[in-house]
């Protein structure tokens, strides 16, 4: 049976982890990104559908393509961070189900309705984006998730001719304490949860 993580691990993943706004000039290697993906891909999705697609924007050329598509202020973060990931959802994810869910070859048909496919992709792709952040933190990387960008422009720039649609972006690397906002309040258990 699995044991609870240490307080130090819980601090790293949740209690002390912060959204980073200013980044150190320390690279993130391609090997680290592969290790990150190999962790996050193991977390669950509906029918193992795995609809998220991760575009790791790392090169100067790729950053220059993304920079004008994000809000002022976020553009600085994109250029400064070693990597910014576009977390996107592939609305054609069901085409991979014969490979990903081989014990039920009818599963692909469950998502034939485009509305069902879109809702499923958004729910599970967002989960996978959260898994990415938890995996990154577990590997000692900091995260700076953002939604301040032009989704349609990002889709046209990076996913033209596909059914891949951007969800959110997240910078990765090693953060500084500069410009970290004070911790905002969180809802108390009784305001957000119930045990029935």
N, C-alpha and C. Protein backbone atom coordinates (compact mmCIF):
# COMPACT_ATOMS: atom_id res chain seq x y z
N UNK A 1 0.84 -1.19 0.00
CA UNK A 1 0.00 0.00 0.00
C UNK A 1 0.88 1.25 0.00
N UNK A 2 0.49 2.23 -0.79
CA UNK A 2 1.26 3.47 -0.87
C UNK A 2 1.23 4.20 0.48
N UNK A 3 2.32 4.87 0.78
CA UNK A 3 2.45 5.63 2.01
C UNK A 3 2.31 7.13 1.71
N UNK A 4 1.83 7.91 2.68
CA UNK A 4 1.76 9.37 2.46
C UNK A 4 3.13 9.95 2.16
N UNK A 5 3.15 10.96 1.30
CA UNK A 5 4.40 11.65 1.02
C UNK A 5 4.86 12.42 2.26
N UNK A 6 6.14 12.72 2.29
CA UNK A 6 6.69 13.49 3.40
C UNK A 6 6.15 14.92 3.36
N UNK A 7 6.25 15.61 4.50
CA UNK A 7 5.86 17.02 4.53
C UNK A 7 6.68 17.84 3.54
N UNK A 8 7.96 17.49 3.39
CA UNK A 8 8.80 18.23 2.45
C UNK A 8 8.29 18.06 1.02
N UNK A 9 7.87 16.86 0.69
CA UNK A 9 7.34 16.62 -0.67
C UNK A 9 6.02 17.36 -0.87
N UNK A 10 5.16 17.34 0.13
CA UNK A 10 3.88 18.03 0.03
C UNK A 10 4.08 19.54 -0.07
N UNK A 11 5.08 20.06 0.66
CA UNK A 11 5.41 21.48 0.54
C UNK A 11 5.84 21.81 -0.89
N UNK A 12 6.70 20.95 -1.47
CA UNK A 12 7.22 21.19 -2.81
C UNK A 12 6.11 21.15 -3.86
N UNK A 13 5.16 20.25 -3.68
CA UNK A 13 4.09 20.10 -4.67
C UNK A 13 2.96 21.10 -4.48
N UNK A 14 2.65 21.45 -3.22
CA UNK A 14 1.45 22.23 -2.95
C UNK A 14 1.67 23.43 -2.04
N UNK A 15 2.04 23.21 -0.80
CA UNK A 15 1.97 24.26 0.21
C UNK A 15 2.93 25.41 -0.01
N UNK A 16 4.13 25.11 -0.49
CA UNK A 16 5.12 26.17 -0.71
C UNK A 16 5.30 26.51 -2.18
N UNK A 17 4.71 25.75 -3.07
CA UNK A 17 4.84 26.01 -4.50
C UNK A 17 4.10 27.29 -4.87
N UNK A 18 4.70 28.09 -5.71
CA UNK A 18 4.13 29.38 -6.09
C UNK A 18 4.18 29.54 -7.60
N UNK A 19 3.31 30.39 -8.11
CA UNK A 19 3.36 30.76 -9.52
C UNK A 19 4.53 31.71 -9.72
N UNK A 20 5.41 31.36 -10.64
CA UNK A 20 6.64 32.12 -10.85
C UNK A 20 6.42 33.19 -11.93
N UNK A 21 6.96 34.38 -11.69
CA UNK A 21 6.87 35.48 -12.63
C UNK A 21 8.21 35.91 -13.19
N UNK A 22 9.31 35.60 -12.49
CA UNK A 22 10.65 35.96 -12.93
C UNK A 22 11.52 34.70 -12.85
N UNK A 23 12.28 34.49 -13.91
CA UNK A 23 13.00 33.22 -14.07
C UNK A 23 14.51 33.40 -14.03
N UNK A 24 15.19 32.40 -13.45
CA UNK A 24 16.64 32.36 -13.51
C UNK A 24 17.07 31.99 -14.93
N UNK A 25 18.29 32.36 -15.26
CA UNK A 25 18.86 32.01 -16.56
C UNK A 25 19.53 30.65 -16.45
N UNK A 26 18.71 29.63 -16.16
CA UNK A 26 19.19 28.26 -16.01
C UNK A 26 18.40 27.40 -16.98
N UNK A 27 19.08 26.71 -17.89
CA UNK A 27 18.34 25.96 -18.92
C UNK A 27 17.62 24.74 -18.36
N UNK A 28 16.60 24.33 -19.10
CA UNK A 28 15.91 23.06 -18.88
C UNK A 28 16.27 22.19 -20.08
N UNK A 29 16.80 21.01 -19.82
CA UNK A 29 17.29 20.17 -20.92
C UNK A 29 16.15 19.42 -21.61
N UNK A 30 16.41 19.00 -22.83
CA UNK A 30 15.44 18.16 -23.54
C UNK A 30 15.20 16.87 -22.76
N UNK A 31 16.24 16.34 -22.14
CA UNK A 31 16.09 15.12 -21.34
C UNK A 31 15.11 15.35 -20.18
N UNK A 32 15.19 16.52 -19.53
CA UNK A 32 14.24 16.83 -18.46
C UNK A 32 12.81 16.88 -18.98
N UNK A 33 12.61 17.42 -20.17
CA UNK A 33 11.27 17.50 -20.74
C UNK A 33 10.73 16.11 -21.09
N UNK A 34 11.60 15.23 -21.56
CA UNK A 34 11.18 13.85 -21.82
C UNK A 34 10.81 13.15 -20.51
N UNK A 35 11.62 13.36 -19.46
CA UNK A 35 11.33 12.77 -18.16
C UNK A 35 10.00 13.31 -17.62
N UNK A 36 9.78 14.60 -17.78
CA UNK A 36 8.53 15.23 -17.36
C UNK A 36 7.34 14.58 -18.06
N UNK A 37 7.43 14.44 -19.38
CA UNK A 37 6.32 13.83 -20.11
C UNK A 37 6.11 12.38 -19.70
N UNK A 38 7.21 11.65 -19.49
CA UNK A 38 7.08 10.24 -19.11
C UNK A 38 6.40 10.07 -17.76
N UNK A 39 6.49 11.08 -16.90
CA UNK A 39 5.74 11.05 -15.64
C UNK A 39 4.27 11.39 -15.84
N UNK A 40 4.01 12.53 -16.49
CA UNK A 40 2.62 13.00 -16.58
C UNK A 40 1.75 12.06 -17.39
N UNK A 41 2.33 11.35 -18.36
CA UNK A 41 1.53 10.48 -19.22
C UNK A 41 0.95 9.28 -18.47
N UNK A 42 1.49 9.00 -17.29
CA UNK A 42 1.03 7.84 -16.52
C UNK A 42 -0.24 8.13 -15.72
N UNK A 43 -0.62 9.38 -15.59
CA UNK A 43 -1.80 9.74 -14.81
C UNK A 43 -3.07 9.47 -15.62
N UNK A 44 -4.21 9.26 -14.94
CA UNK A 44 -5.41 8.77 -15.64
C UNK A 44 -6.16 9.83 -16.45
N UNK A 45 -6.77 9.35 -17.53
CA UNK A 45 -7.74 10.10 -18.32
C UNK A 45 -8.88 9.16 -18.67
N UNK A 46 -10.03 9.71 -19.05
CA UNK A 46 -11.19 8.89 -19.40
C UNK A 46 -10.85 7.95 -20.56
N UNK A 47 -11.09 6.67 -20.34
CA UNK A 47 -10.81 5.66 -21.36
C UNK A 47 -9.38 5.78 -21.90
N UNK A 48 -8.48 6.26 -21.05
CA UNK A 48 -7.08 6.46 -21.44
C UNK A 48 -6.97 7.27 -22.73
N UNK A 49 -7.84 8.28 -22.88
CA UNK A 49 -7.93 9.00 -24.15
C UNK A 49 -6.76 9.93 -24.42
N UNK A 50 -6.08 10.41 -23.40
CA UNK A 50 -4.86 11.21 -23.54
C UNK A 50 -4.97 12.29 -24.62
N UNK A 51 -5.92 13.23 -24.50
CA UNK A 51 -6.12 14.21 -25.57
C UNK A 51 -5.15 15.38 -25.56
N UNK A 52 -4.41 15.58 -24.49
CA UNK A 52 -3.52 16.75 -24.41
C UNK A 52 -2.34 16.58 -25.36
N UNK A 53 -1.93 17.69 -25.93
CA UNK A 53 -0.73 17.76 -26.74
C UNK A 53 0.12 18.88 -26.14
N UNK A 54 1.41 18.62 -26.02
CA UNK A 54 2.33 19.52 -25.32
C UNK A 54 3.38 20.04 -26.29
N UNK A 55 3.35 21.33 -26.55
CA UNK A 55 4.34 21.95 -27.42
C UNK A 55 5.28 22.76 -26.54
N UNK A 56 6.51 22.26 -26.40
CA UNK A 56 7.51 22.88 -25.54
C UNK A 56 8.23 23.97 -26.32
N UNK A 57 7.90 25.21 -26.04
CA UNK A 57 8.46 26.36 -26.75
C UNK A 57 9.76 26.73 -26.06
N UNK A 58 10.86 26.40 -26.72
CA UNK A 58 12.17 26.50 -26.08
C UNK A 58 13.16 27.36 -26.89
N UNK A 59 13.15 27.20 -28.19
CA UNK A 59 14.11 27.93 -29.03
C UNK A 59 13.74 29.41 -29.12
N UNK A 60 14.72 30.23 -29.44
CA UNK A 60 14.47 31.67 -29.62
C UNK A 60 13.45 31.89 -30.73
N UNK A 61 13.54 31.11 -31.79
CA UNK A 61 12.62 31.27 -32.92
C UNK A 61 11.18 30.95 -32.51
N UNK A 62 11.01 29.86 -31.76
CA UNK A 62 9.65 29.49 -31.31
C UNK A 62 9.10 30.52 -30.33
N UNK A 63 9.96 31.01 -29.43
CA UNK A 63 9.51 32.04 -28.48
C UNK A 63 9.09 33.31 -29.21
N UNK A 64 9.81 33.65 -30.27
CA UNK A 64 9.47 34.85 -31.05
C UNK A 64 8.11 34.68 -31.73
N UNK A 65 7.73 33.47 -32.07
CA UNK A 65 6.41 33.22 -32.66
C UNK A 65 5.31 33.35 -31.61
N UNK A 66 5.59 32.91 -30.38
CA UNK A 66 4.58 32.94 -29.32
C UNK A 66 4.44 34.33 -28.69
N UNK A 67 5.54 35.04 -28.58
CA UNK A 67 5.55 36.32 -27.84
C UNK A 67 4.43 37.28 -28.24
N UNK A 68 4.19 37.56 -29.52
CA UNK A 68 3.16 38.55 -29.85
C UNK A 68 1.73 38.06 -29.62
N UNK A 69 1.57 36.80 -29.26
CA UNK A 69 0.24 36.22 -29.09
C UNK A 69 -0.22 36.19 -27.64
N UNK A 70 0.67 36.65 -26.73
CA UNK A 70 0.33 36.65 -25.31
C UNK A 70 0.17 38.09 -24.82
N UNK A 71 -0.54 38.25 -23.71
CA UNK A 71 -0.78 39.58 -23.15
C UNK A 71 0.52 40.27 -22.76
N UNK A 72 0.45 41.59 -22.75
CA UNK A 72 1.58 42.36 -22.27
C UNK A 72 1.89 41.96 -20.83
N UNK A 73 3.13 41.77 -20.53
CA UNK A 73 3.55 41.27 -19.22
C UNK A 73 3.84 39.78 -19.32
N UNK A 74 2.90 39.03 -19.87
CA UNK A 74 3.15 37.60 -20.09
C UNK A 74 4.21 37.39 -21.17
N UNK A 75 4.31 38.33 -22.12
CA UNK A 75 5.31 38.20 -23.17
C UNK A 75 6.72 38.19 -22.58
N UNK A 76 6.93 38.96 -21.53
CA UNK A 76 8.25 38.98 -20.88
C UNK A 76 8.54 37.62 -20.25
N UNK A 77 7.54 37.04 -19.61
CA UNK A 77 7.71 35.73 -18.99
C UNK A 77 8.05 34.67 -20.03
N UNK A 78 7.35 34.70 -21.16
CA UNK A 78 7.60 33.73 -22.22
C UNK A 78 9.04 33.84 -22.72
N UNK A 79 9.52 35.05 -22.90
CA UNK A 79 10.87 35.23 -23.41
C UNK A 79 11.93 34.89 -22.37
N UNK A 80 11.63 35.13 -21.09
CA UNK A 80 12.62 34.91 -20.03
C UNK A 80 12.69 33.45 -19.59
N UNK A 81 11.57 32.76 -19.55
CA UNK A 81 11.54 31.38 -19.07
C UNK A 81 12.31 30.47 -20.02
N UNK A 82 12.99 29.48 -19.48
CA UNK A 82 13.70 28.53 -20.36
C UNK A 82 12.75 27.82 -21.33
N UNK A 83 11.54 27.51 -20.87
CA UNK A 83 10.56 26.79 -21.68
C UNK A 83 9.17 27.31 -21.32
N UNK A 84 8.32 27.46 -22.32
CA UNK A 84 6.90 27.68 -22.08
C UNK A 84 6.14 26.62 -22.87
N UNK A 85 5.30 25.88 -22.18
CA UNK A 85 4.55 24.80 -22.81
C UNK A 85 3.18 25.30 -23.23
N UNK A 86 2.82 25.03 -24.48
CA UNK A 86 1.43 25.20 -24.90
C UNK A 86 0.73 23.87 -24.62
N UNK A 87 -0.21 23.90 -23.69
CA UNK A 87 -1.01 22.70 -23.41
C UNK A 87 -2.25 22.81 -24.27
N UNK A 88 -2.42 21.88 -25.18
CA UNK A 88 -3.51 21.93 -26.15
C UNK A 88 -4.29 20.62 -26.11
N UNK A 89 -5.48 20.65 -26.70
CA UNK A 89 -6.34 19.47 -26.76
C UNK A 89 -6.54 19.08 -28.21
N UNK A 90 -6.32 17.80 -28.49
CA UNK A 90 -6.56 17.27 -29.84
C UNK A 90 -7.99 16.76 -29.91
N UNK A 91 -8.84 17.45 -30.65
CA UNK A 91 -10.24 17.05 -30.76
C UNK A 91 -10.40 15.76 -31.56
N UNK A 92 -9.34 15.32 -32.24
CA UNK A 92 -9.33 14.03 -32.94
C UNK A 92 -8.67 12.94 -32.11
N UNK A 93 -8.65 13.12 -30.79
CA UNK A 93 -7.99 12.14 -29.91
C UNK A 93 -8.52 10.73 -30.08
N UNK A 94 -9.79 10.57 -30.44
CA UNK A 94 -10.40 9.24 -30.51
C UNK A 94 -9.72 8.35 -31.54
N UNK A 95 -9.06 8.94 -32.52
CA UNK A 95 -8.33 8.14 -33.51
C UNK A 95 -7.21 7.32 -32.91
N UNK A 96 -6.74 7.72 -31.73
CA UNK A 96 -5.66 6.98 -31.05
C UNK A 96 -6.20 5.89 -30.11
N UNK A 97 -7.52 5.82 -29.92
CA UNK A 97 -8.07 4.88 -28.94
C UNK A 97 -7.84 3.41 -29.28
N UNK A 98 -7.82 3.00 -30.55
CA UNK A 98 -7.48 1.59 -30.80
C UNK A 98 -6.11 1.20 -30.23
N UNK A 99 -5.19 2.16 -30.20
CA UNK A 99 -3.87 1.93 -29.61
C UNK A 99 -3.91 2.09 -28.08
N UNK A 100 -4.62 3.10 -27.59
CA UNK A 100 -4.58 3.44 -26.17
C UNK A 100 -5.59 2.67 -25.32
N UNK A 101 -6.64 2.16 -25.93
CA UNK A 101 -7.70 1.45 -25.19
C UNK A 101 -8.04 0.16 -25.95
N UNK A 102 -7.03 -0.71 -26.16
CA UNK A 102 -7.19 -1.85 -27.07
C UNK A 102 -8.17 -2.91 -26.60
N UNK A 103 -8.51 -2.92 -25.33
CA UNK A 103 -9.42 -3.96 -24.84
C UNK A 103 -10.87 -3.67 -25.18
N UNK A 104 -11.16 -2.49 -25.77
CA UNK A 104 -12.51 -2.19 -26.25
C UNK A 104 -12.39 -1.38 -27.54
N UNK A 105 -12.40 -2.07 -28.66
CA UNK A 105 -12.18 -1.41 -29.94
C UNK A 105 -13.37 -0.55 -30.37
N UNK A 106 -14.47 -0.63 -29.64
CA UNK A 106 -15.62 0.24 -29.92
C UNK A 106 -15.46 1.62 -29.28
N UNK A 107 -14.47 1.79 -28.43
CA UNK A 107 -14.33 3.04 -27.68
C UNK A 107 -14.22 4.26 -28.59
N UNK A 108 -13.62 4.09 -29.73
CA UNK A 108 -13.48 5.21 -30.66
C UNK A 108 -14.85 5.79 -31.01
N UNK A 109 -15.85 4.95 -31.09
CA UNK A 109 -17.20 5.40 -31.46
C UNK A 109 -17.89 6.18 -30.34
N UNK A 110 -17.43 6.05 -29.12
CA UNK A 110 -18.03 6.77 -28.01
C UNK A 110 -17.92 8.29 -28.20
N UNK A 111 -16.95 8.70 -29.01
CA UNK A 111 -16.65 10.13 -29.16
C UNK A 111 -16.92 10.60 -30.59
N UNK A 112 -17.80 9.89 -31.29
CA UNK A 112 -18.14 10.28 -32.66
C UNK A 112 -18.88 11.61 -32.70
N UNK A 113 -19.66 11.91 -31.68
CA UNK A 113 -20.36 13.20 -31.59
C UNK A 113 -19.32 14.28 -31.27
N UNK A 114 -19.14 15.27 -32.15
CA UNK A 114 -18.12 16.30 -31.91
C UNK A 114 -18.27 17.03 -30.58
N UNK A 115 -19.51 17.23 -30.11
CA UNK A 115 -19.71 17.90 -28.83
C UNK A 115 -19.18 17.05 -27.67
N UNK A 116 -19.42 15.75 -27.74
CA UNK A 116 -18.90 14.84 -26.71
C UNK A 116 -17.38 14.82 -26.76
N UNK A 117 -16.83 14.78 -27.95
CA UNK A 117 -15.37 14.77 -28.10
C UNK A 117 -14.75 16.04 -27.53
N UNK A 118 -15.39 17.19 -27.80
CA UNK A 118 -14.84 18.47 -27.33
C UNK A 118 -14.86 18.57 -25.81
N UNK A 119 -15.98 18.18 -25.20
CA UNK A 119 -16.07 18.23 -23.74
C UNK A 119 -15.06 17.26 -23.11
N UNK A 120 -14.96 16.07 -23.68
CA UNK A 120 -14.03 15.07 -23.16
C UNK A 120 -12.59 15.56 -23.30
N UNK A 121 -12.25 16.16 -24.44
CA UNK A 121 -10.90 16.66 -24.65
C UNK A 121 -10.57 17.77 -23.67
N UNK A 122 -11.52 18.69 -23.45
CA UNK A 122 -11.26 19.80 -22.53
C UNK A 122 -11.07 19.30 -21.10
N UNK A 123 -11.94 18.41 -20.66
CA UNK A 123 -11.84 17.91 -19.29
C UNK A 123 -10.52 17.17 -19.08
N UNK A 124 -10.24 16.24 -19.95
CA UNK A 124 -9.06 15.40 -19.75
C UNK A 124 -7.76 16.09 -20.13
N UNK A 125 -7.82 16.99 -21.13
CA UNK A 125 -6.62 17.75 -21.46
C UNK A 125 -6.23 18.71 -20.35
N UNK A 126 -7.24 19.29 -19.69
CA UNK A 126 -6.96 20.17 -18.55
C UNK A 126 -6.37 19.37 -17.40
N UNK A 127 -6.91 18.18 -17.16
CA UNK A 127 -6.31 17.30 -16.16
C UNK A 127 -4.84 17.04 -16.49
N UNK A 128 -4.57 16.73 -17.74
CA UNK A 128 -3.18 16.44 -18.12
C UNK A 128 -2.28 17.66 -17.95
N UNK A 129 -2.84 18.86 -18.16
CA UNK A 129 -2.05 20.06 -17.89
C UNK A 129 -1.71 20.20 -16.42
N UNK A 130 -2.67 19.86 -15.56
CA UNK A 130 -2.40 19.87 -14.12
C UNK A 130 -1.38 18.80 -13.75
N UNK A 131 -1.49 17.63 -14.38
CA UNK A 131 -0.49 16.59 -14.13
C UNK A 131 0.90 17.09 -14.54
N UNK A 132 0.98 17.84 -15.64
CA UNK A 132 2.26 18.38 -16.07
C UNK A 132 2.87 19.25 -14.97
N UNK A 133 2.05 20.10 -14.35
CA UNK A 133 2.58 20.98 -13.31
C UNK A 133 3.03 20.19 -12.09
N UNK A 134 2.27 19.19 -11.70
CA UNK A 134 2.67 18.37 -10.56
C UNK A 134 3.94 17.58 -10.86
N UNK A 135 4.03 17.05 -12.08
CA UNK A 135 5.24 16.32 -12.47
C UNK A 135 6.44 17.26 -12.49
N UNK A 136 6.25 18.47 -13.03
CA UNK A 136 7.35 19.44 -13.08
C UNK A 136 7.83 19.77 -11.67
N UNK A 137 6.90 20.05 -10.78
CA UNK A 137 7.29 20.36 -9.41
C UNK A 137 7.98 19.18 -8.74
N UNK A 138 7.53 17.98 -9.04
CA UNK A 138 8.16 16.80 -8.43
C UNK A 138 9.59 16.63 -8.91
N UNK A 139 9.91 17.17 -10.09
CA UNK A 139 11.26 17.09 -10.64
C UNK A 139 12.12 18.29 -10.26
N UNK A 140 11.57 19.18 -9.43
CA UNK A 140 12.33 20.34 -8.97
C UNK A 140 12.21 21.56 -9.87
N UNK A 141 11.30 21.51 -10.83
CA UNK A 141 11.07 22.67 -11.70
C UNK A 141 9.96 23.54 -11.11
N UNK A 142 10.01 24.82 -11.42
CA UNK A 142 8.95 25.75 -11.05
C UNK A 142 8.02 25.93 -12.24
N UNK A 143 6.81 26.41 -11.94
CA UNK A 143 5.78 26.58 -12.96
C UNK A 143 5.22 27.99 -12.93
N UNK A 144 4.83 28.47 -14.10
CA UNK A 144 4.14 29.75 -14.23
C UNK A 144 2.99 29.60 -15.21
N UNK A 145 1.86 29.01 -14.77
CA UNK A 145 0.73 28.83 -15.67
C UNK A 145 0.07 30.17 -16.02
N UNK A 146 -0.42 30.26 -17.26
CA UNK A 146 -1.03 31.50 -17.74
C UNK A 146 -2.19 31.18 -18.69
N UNK A 147 -3.20 32.02 -18.63
CA UNK A 147 -4.27 31.95 -19.62
C UNK A 147 -4.38 33.25 -20.40
N UNK A 148 -3.50 34.19 -20.19
CA UNK A 148 -3.54 35.49 -20.85
C UNK A 148 -2.87 35.46 -22.21
N UNK A 149 -3.57 34.87 -23.19
CA UNK A 149 -3.06 34.84 -24.55
C UNK A 149 -4.24 34.68 -25.50
N UNK A 150 -3.98 34.88 -26.76
CA UNK A 150 -5.01 34.79 -27.80
C UNK A 150 -5.07 33.35 -28.30
N UNK A 151 -6.05 32.59 -27.82
CA UNK A 151 -6.15 31.18 -28.21
C UNK A 151 -6.25 31.00 -29.72
N UNK A 152 -7.10 31.79 -30.36
CA UNK A 152 -7.30 31.63 -31.81
C UNK A 152 -6.00 31.91 -32.56
N UNK A 153 -5.26 32.92 -32.13
CA UNK A 153 -3.99 33.25 -32.79
C UNK A 153 -2.95 32.16 -32.57
N UNK A 154 -2.89 31.61 -31.35
CA UNK A 154 -1.96 30.51 -31.08
C UNK A 154 -2.33 29.29 -31.93
N UNK A 155 -3.62 29.01 -32.03
CA UNK A 155 -4.05 27.86 -32.84
C UNK A 155 -3.66 28.06 -34.31
N UNK A 156 -3.83 29.27 -34.82
CA UNK A 156 -3.48 29.54 -36.21
C UNK A 156 -1.97 29.45 -36.43
N UNK A 157 -1.20 29.90 -35.44
CA UNK A 157 0.26 29.92 -35.58
C UNK A 157 0.88 28.54 -35.42
N UNK A 158 0.38 27.76 -34.47
CA UNK A 158 1.04 26.49 -34.14
C UNK A 158 0.27 25.25 -34.58
N UNK A 159 -1.03 25.35 -34.79
CA UNK A 159 -1.83 24.15 -35.05
C UNK A 159 -2.68 24.25 -36.31
N UNK A 160 -2.31 25.12 -37.23
CA UNK A 160 -3.10 25.31 -38.45
C UNK A 160 -3.27 23.98 -39.19
N UNK A 161 -4.49 23.75 -39.68
CA UNK A 161 -4.76 22.54 -40.45
C UNK A 161 -5.00 21.30 -39.60
N UNK A 162 -5.11 21.48 -38.28
CA UNK A 162 -5.35 20.35 -37.38
C UNK A 162 -6.59 20.63 -36.55
N UNK A 163 -6.97 19.66 -35.76
CA UNK A 163 -8.05 19.86 -34.79
C UNK A 163 -7.50 20.02 -33.38
N UNK A 164 -6.26 20.46 -33.28
CA UNK A 164 -5.63 20.74 -31.99
C UNK A 164 -5.95 22.18 -31.61
N UNK A 165 -6.43 22.37 -30.38
CA UNK A 165 -6.83 23.69 -29.89
C UNK A 165 -6.12 23.98 -28.57
N UNK A 166 -5.54 25.16 -28.46
CA UNK A 166 -4.81 25.53 -27.24
C UNK A 166 -5.77 25.65 -26.06
N UNK A 167 -5.26 25.28 -24.89
CA UNK A 167 -6.02 25.36 -23.64
C UNK A 167 -5.40 26.44 -22.75
N UNK A 168 -4.17 26.21 -22.27
CA UNK A 168 -3.45 27.22 -21.50
C UNK A 168 -1.97 27.03 -21.73
N UNK A 169 -1.17 27.97 -21.24
CA UNK A 169 0.28 27.87 -21.36
C UNK A 169 0.89 27.87 -19.98
N UNK A 170 2.10 27.33 -19.89
CA UNK A 170 2.77 27.24 -18.59
C UNK A 170 4.28 27.33 -18.81
N UNK A 171 4.88 28.34 -18.21
CA UNK A 171 6.33 28.44 -18.26
C UNK A 171 6.94 27.48 -17.25
N UNK A 172 8.11 26.96 -17.60
CA UNK A 172 8.83 26.00 -16.76
C UNK A 172 10.28 26.43 -16.63
N UNK A 173 10.86 26.14 -15.48
CA UNK A 173 12.27 26.43 -15.26
C UNK A 173 12.55 26.54 -13.78
N UNK A 174 13.47 27.44 -13.46
CA UNK A 174 13.87 27.66 -12.08
C UNK A 174 13.58 29.12 -11.76
N UNK A 175 12.65 29.32 -10.86
CA UNK A 175 12.17 30.66 -10.57
C UNK A 175 13.00 31.41 -9.56
N UNK A 176 12.71 32.70 -9.46
CA UNK A 176 13.27 33.54 -8.41
C UNK A 176 12.12 33.95 -7.49
N UNK A 177 12.47 34.59 -6.38
CA UNK A 177 11.45 35.10 -5.45
C UNK A 177 10.91 36.46 -5.89
N UNK A 178 11.46 37.01 -6.95
CA UNK A 178 11.07 38.36 -7.40
C UNK A 178 9.65 38.36 -7.95
N UNK A 179 8.88 39.36 -7.55
CA UNK A 179 7.52 39.59 -8.06
C UNK A 179 6.56 38.44 -7.79
N UNK A 180 6.80 37.68 -6.73
CA UNK A 180 5.81 36.68 -6.33
C UNK A 180 4.79 37.38 -5.44
N UNK A 181 3.54 37.24 -5.81
CA UNK A 181 2.47 37.89 -5.05
C UNK A 181 2.30 37.21 -3.69
N UNK A 182 1.84 37.96 -2.69
CA UNK A 182 1.52 37.31 -1.42
C UNK A 182 0.50 36.18 -1.66
N UNK A 183 0.59 35.14 -0.87
CA UNK A 183 -0.34 34.01 -1.01
C UNK A 183 -1.77 34.49 -0.84
N UNK A 184 -2.60 34.23 -1.81
CA UNK A 184 -4.01 34.61 -1.73
C UNK A 184 -4.76 33.61 -0.86
N UNK A 185 -5.87 34.06 -0.27
CA UNK A 185 -6.66 33.14 0.57
C UNK A 185 -7.22 31.99 -0.26
N UNK A 186 -7.55 30.91 0.42
CA UNK A 186 -8.23 29.78 -0.18
C UNK A 186 -9.53 29.55 0.59
N UNK A 187 -10.49 28.95 -0.07
CA UNK A 187 -11.75 28.64 0.59
C UNK A 187 -11.55 27.61 1.68
N UNK A 188 -12.28 27.77 2.78
CA UNK A 188 -12.29 26.77 3.84
C UNK A 188 -13.04 25.53 3.36
N UNK A 189 -12.77 24.41 3.99
CA UNK A 189 -13.41 23.15 3.61
C UNK A 189 -14.91 23.31 3.50
N UNK A 190 -15.54 23.89 4.53
CA UNK A 190 -17.00 23.98 4.54
C UNK A 190 -17.56 24.91 3.46
N UNK A 191 -16.73 25.78 2.90
CA UNK A 191 -17.16 26.65 1.82
C UNK A 191 -17.04 26.00 0.45
N UNK A 192 -16.25 24.95 0.36
CA UNK A 192 -15.97 24.35 -0.95
C UNK A 192 -16.26 22.87 -1.03
N UNK A 193 -16.53 22.24 0.11
CA UNK A 193 -16.64 20.79 0.10
C UNK A 193 -17.70 20.33 1.09
N UNK A 194 -18.13 19.12 0.90
CA UNK A 194 -19.07 18.49 1.82
C UNK A 194 -18.81 17.01 1.84
N UNK A 195 -18.98 16.41 2.97
CA UNK A 195 -18.88 14.96 3.11
C UNK A 195 -20.31 14.45 3.27
N UNK A 196 -20.78 13.68 2.32
CA UNK A 196 -22.18 13.23 2.31
C UNK A 196 -22.30 11.78 2.74
